[in-house]
Amino acid sequence: MISRFLARYRGSLGQLVKFSLVGFSGVLINFLVVFAAKKITPLIWESAHTNGVWWHIPGTDFNIRWFSVYSMVAFVVANVSNYQINRSWSFKSKHHDGWMKEFLPFFTIGLLAQCLGMAIEVALMNQQSPISLPSSVFDDSTGFRTKFYWAHLIMIAVTTPLSFLANKFWTFRSIRRPGVEPIEPIEQAET
């Protein structure tokens, strides 16, 4: 049964492995951008005056925090990189459709995953959230104890499988080939 499954989905499993490797490179790019942004703007990030607020949403009690801005910038950079590598290596679709025709669905899927991921990230960062990362462990004393880095990593781990499936079946659909060709009806010979 397992061998039949592997034989049937060998191509898809190979694509998943390649997509995951590209995703890993995207995670590295994403983290480099987040790390650099956090290091370049430490006074803004840690300012007691702003409490990490980038923009207060008028008429509400809600704010957009700097970690969300960093997350979005890192997403855009990593998404463009991942798209190009997936297009030429994972799905080998560069000869099937135009760059922009595939990029728009890829970016849309990535943006939807990013929005879901940012909701997860905010919940992990917010002290009042039931899934908040514990401040006793993640006290920001070192890089490995920085709550934002762990929330960001968890967000990526949750959204990657969803992103793969959506990209396989929507963005790069032009290269999918069914395993079995439809059988043409046989015409009856007249007697």
Protein backbone atom coordinates (compact mmCIF):
# COMPACT_ATOMS: atom_id res chain seq x y z
CA MET A 1 0.00 0.00 0.00
CA ILE A 2 2.81 2.42 0.90
CA SER A 3 4.73 1.56 -2.26
CA ARG A 4 1.62 2.19 -4.36
CA PHE A 5 1.17 5.56 -2.63
CA LEU A 6 4.83 6.46 -3.20
CA ALA A 7 4.66 5.42 -6.86
CA ARG A 8 1.55 7.50 -7.44
CA TYR A 9 2.74 10.62 -5.63
CA ARG A 10 6.51 10.42 -6.23
CA GLY A 11 6.52 13.62 -8.32
CA SER A 12 4.47 15.52 -5.76
CA LEU A 13 6.65 14.29 -2.90
CA GLY A 14 9.74 15.42 -4.80
CA GLN A 15 8.15 18.80 -5.35
CA LEU A 16 7.28 19.01 -1.64
CA VAL A 17 10.92 18.29 -0.72
CA LYS A 18 12.17 20.94 -3.16
CA PHE A 19 9.48 23.40 -2.01
CA SER A 20 10.56 22.76 1.60
CA LEU A 21 14.23 23.36 0.76
CA VAL A 22 13.31 26.58 -1.02
CA GLY A 23 11.12 27.42 1.96
CA PHE A 24 14.08 26.84 4.27
CA SER A 25 16.15 29.28 2.21
CA GLY A 26 13.19 31.67 2.45
CA VAL A 27 13.13 31.26 6.23
CA LEU A 28 16.84 32.16 6.32
CA ILE A 29 16.26 35.21 4.12
CA ASN A 30 13.19 36.12 6.17
CA PHE A 31 15.12 35.88 9.44
CA LEU A 32 18.07 37.84 8.06
CA VAL A 33 15.72 40.67 7.09
CA VAL A 34 13.92 40.54 10.47
CA PHE A 35 17.20 40.39 12.38
CA ALA A 36 18.72 43.25 10.37
CA ALA A 37 15.59 45.40 10.76
CA LYS A 38 15.50 44.78 14.50
CA LYS A 39 19.22 45.58 14.84
CA ILE A 40 19.02 48.71 12.65
CA THR A 41 16.09 50.14 14.60
CA PRO A 42 16.73 49.07 18.23
CA LEU A 43 15.74 52.41 19.73
CA ILE A 44 12.33 52.29 18.03
CA TRP A 45 11.78 48.64 18.97
CA GLU A 46 12.61 49.11 22.63
CA SER A 47 11.35 52.67 23.10
CA ALA A 48 9.25 52.99 26.25
CA HIS A 49 7.67 56.09 24.73
CA THR A 50 6.16 54.24 21.75
CA ASN A 51 5.83 50.82 23.45
CA GLY A 52 6.81 49.28 20.13
CA VAL A 53 3.89 50.94 18.31
CA TRP A 54 4.46 51.76 14.64
CA TRP A 55 0.98 53.18 14.01
CA HIS A 56 -2.06 53.66 16.22
CA ILE A 57 -5.21 52.75 14.26
CA PRO A 58 -7.46 55.82 14.59
CA GLY A 59 -10.77 55.32 16.36
CA THR A 60 -9.72 52.00 17.89
CA ASP A 61 -7.71 50.65 20.79
CA PHE A 62 -5.51 48.75 18.34
CA ASN A 63 -1.98 49.42 17.14
CA ILE A 64 0.30 48.06 14.49
CA ARG A 65 3.57 47.16 16.17
CA TRP A 66 7.06 47.33 14.74
CA PHE A 67 7.39 43.54 14.80
CA SER A 68 4.47 43.36 12.35
CA VAL A 69 6.17 45.85 10.03
CA TYR A 70 9.42 43.84 10.16
CA SER A 71 7.47 40.65 9.52
CA MET A 72 5.76 42.12 6.45
CA VAL A 73 8.98 43.50 4.93
CA ALA A 74 10.71 40.15 5.49
CA PHE A 75 7.75 38.37 3.89
CA VAL A 76 7.95 40.45 0.71
CA VAL A 77 11.71 39.90 0.30
CA ALA A 78 11.52 36.15 1.02
CA ASN A 79 8.38 35.70 -1.10
CA VAL A 80 9.98 37.14 -4.25
CA SER A 81 13.08 35.00 -3.70
CA ASN A 82 11.04 31.84 -3.04
CA TYR A 83 8.86 32.44 -6.09
CA GLN A 84 11.80 32.70 -8.44
CA ILE A 85 13.50 29.57 -7.09
CA ASN A 86 10.25 27.55 -7.00
CA ARG A 87 9.41 28.66 -10.53
CA SER A 88 12.72 27.50 -11.95
CA TRP A 89 13.54 24.52 -9.73
CA SER A 90 10.66 23.05 -7.67
CA PHE A 91 7.87 23.27 -10.23
CA LYS A 92 9.96 23.96 -13.37
CA SER A 93 7.27 26.23 -14.77
CA LYS A 94 9.40 29.00 -16.25
CA HIS A 95 8.59 27.79 -19.77
CA HIS A 96 4.87 27.28 -19.16
CA ASP A 97 3.48 30.68 -18.16
CA GLY A 98 4.69 34.26 -17.93
CA TRP A 99 6.52 35.47 -14.82
CA MET A 100 3.78 37.86 -13.69
CA LYS A 101 0.96 35.42 -14.49
CA GLU A 102 2.35 32.99 -11.91
CA PHE A 103 3.75 35.59 -9.53
CA LEU A 104 0.39 37.21 -8.78
CA PRO A 105 -1.23 33.98 -7.50
CA PHE A 106 1.99 33.06 -5.66
CA PHE A 107 2.10 36.47 -3.98
CA THR A 108 -1.63 36.33 -3.21
CA ILE A 109 -1.27 32.93 -1.55
CA GLY A 110 1.78 34.15 0.32
CA LEU A 111 -0.06 37.27 1.44
CA LEU A 112 -3.03 35.25 2.70
CA ALA A 113 -0.65 32.92 4.54
CA GLN A 114 1.19 35.97 5.90
CA CYS A 115 -2.07 37.48 7.21
CA LEU A 116 -2.97 34.20 8.92
CA GLY A 117 0.59 33.95 10.18
CA MET A 118 0.58 37.49 11.53
CA ALA A 119 -2.58 36.72 13.50
CA ILE A 120 -0.75 33.71 14.97
CA GLU A 121 2.34 35.83 15.58
CA VAL A 122 0.36 38.55 17.38
CA ALA A 123 -1.39 35.93 19.52
CA LEU A 124 1.97 34.40 20.45
CA MET A 125 3.40 37.83 21.31
CA ASN A 126 0.39 39.22 23.22
CA GLN A 127 0.56 38.62 26.99
CA GLN A 128 -3.25 38.36 27.24
CA SER A 129 -3.52 35.68 24.55
CA PRO A 130 -4.20 32.10 25.65
CA ILE A 131 -1.39 30.93 23.34
CA SER A 132 1.13 33.61 24.34
CA LEU A 133 4.71 32.44 24.59
CA PRO A 134 5.70 32.55 28.28
CA SER A 135 7.72 35.66 29.17
CA SER A 136 9.55 33.70 31.86
CA VAL A 137 11.21 31.62 29.13
CA PHE A 138 11.19 34.15 26.28
CA ASP A 139 12.52 37.18 28.15
CA ASP A 140 14.48 38.69 25.21
CA SER A 141 17.74 38.34 27.15
CA THR A 142 19.47 36.56 24.23
CA GLY A 143 18.72 35.81 20.59
CA PHE A 144 17.53 32.30 21.47
CA ARG A 145 15.20 33.70 24.12
CA THR A 146 13.71 36.44 21.93
CA LYS A 147 9.95 35.94 21.89
CA PHE A 148 9.53 37.61 18.48
CA TYR A 149 11.99 35.24 16.77
CA TRP A 150 10.17 32.16 18.12
CA ALA A 151 6.73 33.55 17.29
CA HIS A 152 7.97 34.27 13.78
CA LEU A 153 9.37 30.74 13.38
CA ILE A 154 6.13 29.15 14.63
CA MET A 155 4.15 31.31 12.24
CA ILE A 156 6.25 30.12 9.30
CA ALA A 157 5.96 26.46 10.35
CA VAL A 158 2.17 26.68 10.49
CA THR A 159 1.67 28.48 7.18
CA THR A 160 4.20 26.61 4.98
CA PRO A 161 2.18 23.40 4.34
CA LEU A 162 -0.92 25.45 3.47
CA SER A 163 1.12 27.60 1.14
CA PHE A 164 2.62 24.55 -0.60
CA LEU A 165 -0.77 23.01 -1.36
CA ALA A 166 -2.27 26.26 -2.59
CA ASN A 167 0.73 26.98 -4.81
CA LYS A 168 0.86 23.47 -6.23
CA PHE A 169 -2.79 23.44 -7.20
CA TRP A 170 -3.27 27.08 -8.19
CA THR A 171 -0.08 29.01 -8.97
CA PHE A 172 1.84 26.27 -10.78
CA ARG A 173 -1.16 24.35 -12.14
CA SER A 174 0.00 24.78 -15.75
CA ILE A 175 2.72 22.17 -15.25
CA ARG A 176 0.61 19.47 -13.58
CA ARG A 177 0.17 16.38 -15.67
CA PRO A 178 -2.43 13.80 -14.77
CA GLY A 179 -1.13 10.30 -14.18
CA VAL A 180 -3.67 8.59 -16.41
CA GLU A 181 -4.77 9.74 -19.85
CA PRO A 182 -8.50 9.57 -20.51
CA ILE A 183 -9.52 6.66 -22.67
CA GLU A 184 -10.95 7.60 -26.05
CA PRO A 185 -14.14 5.80 -27.01
CA ILE A 186 -13.70 3.11 -29.66
CA GLU A 187 -15.87 3.63 -32.70
CA GLN A 188 -17.91 0.67 -33.76
CA ALA A 189 -17.16 -0.55 -37.28
CA GLU A 190 -20.20 -0.66 -39.53
CA THR A 191 -21.02 -4.10 -40.84
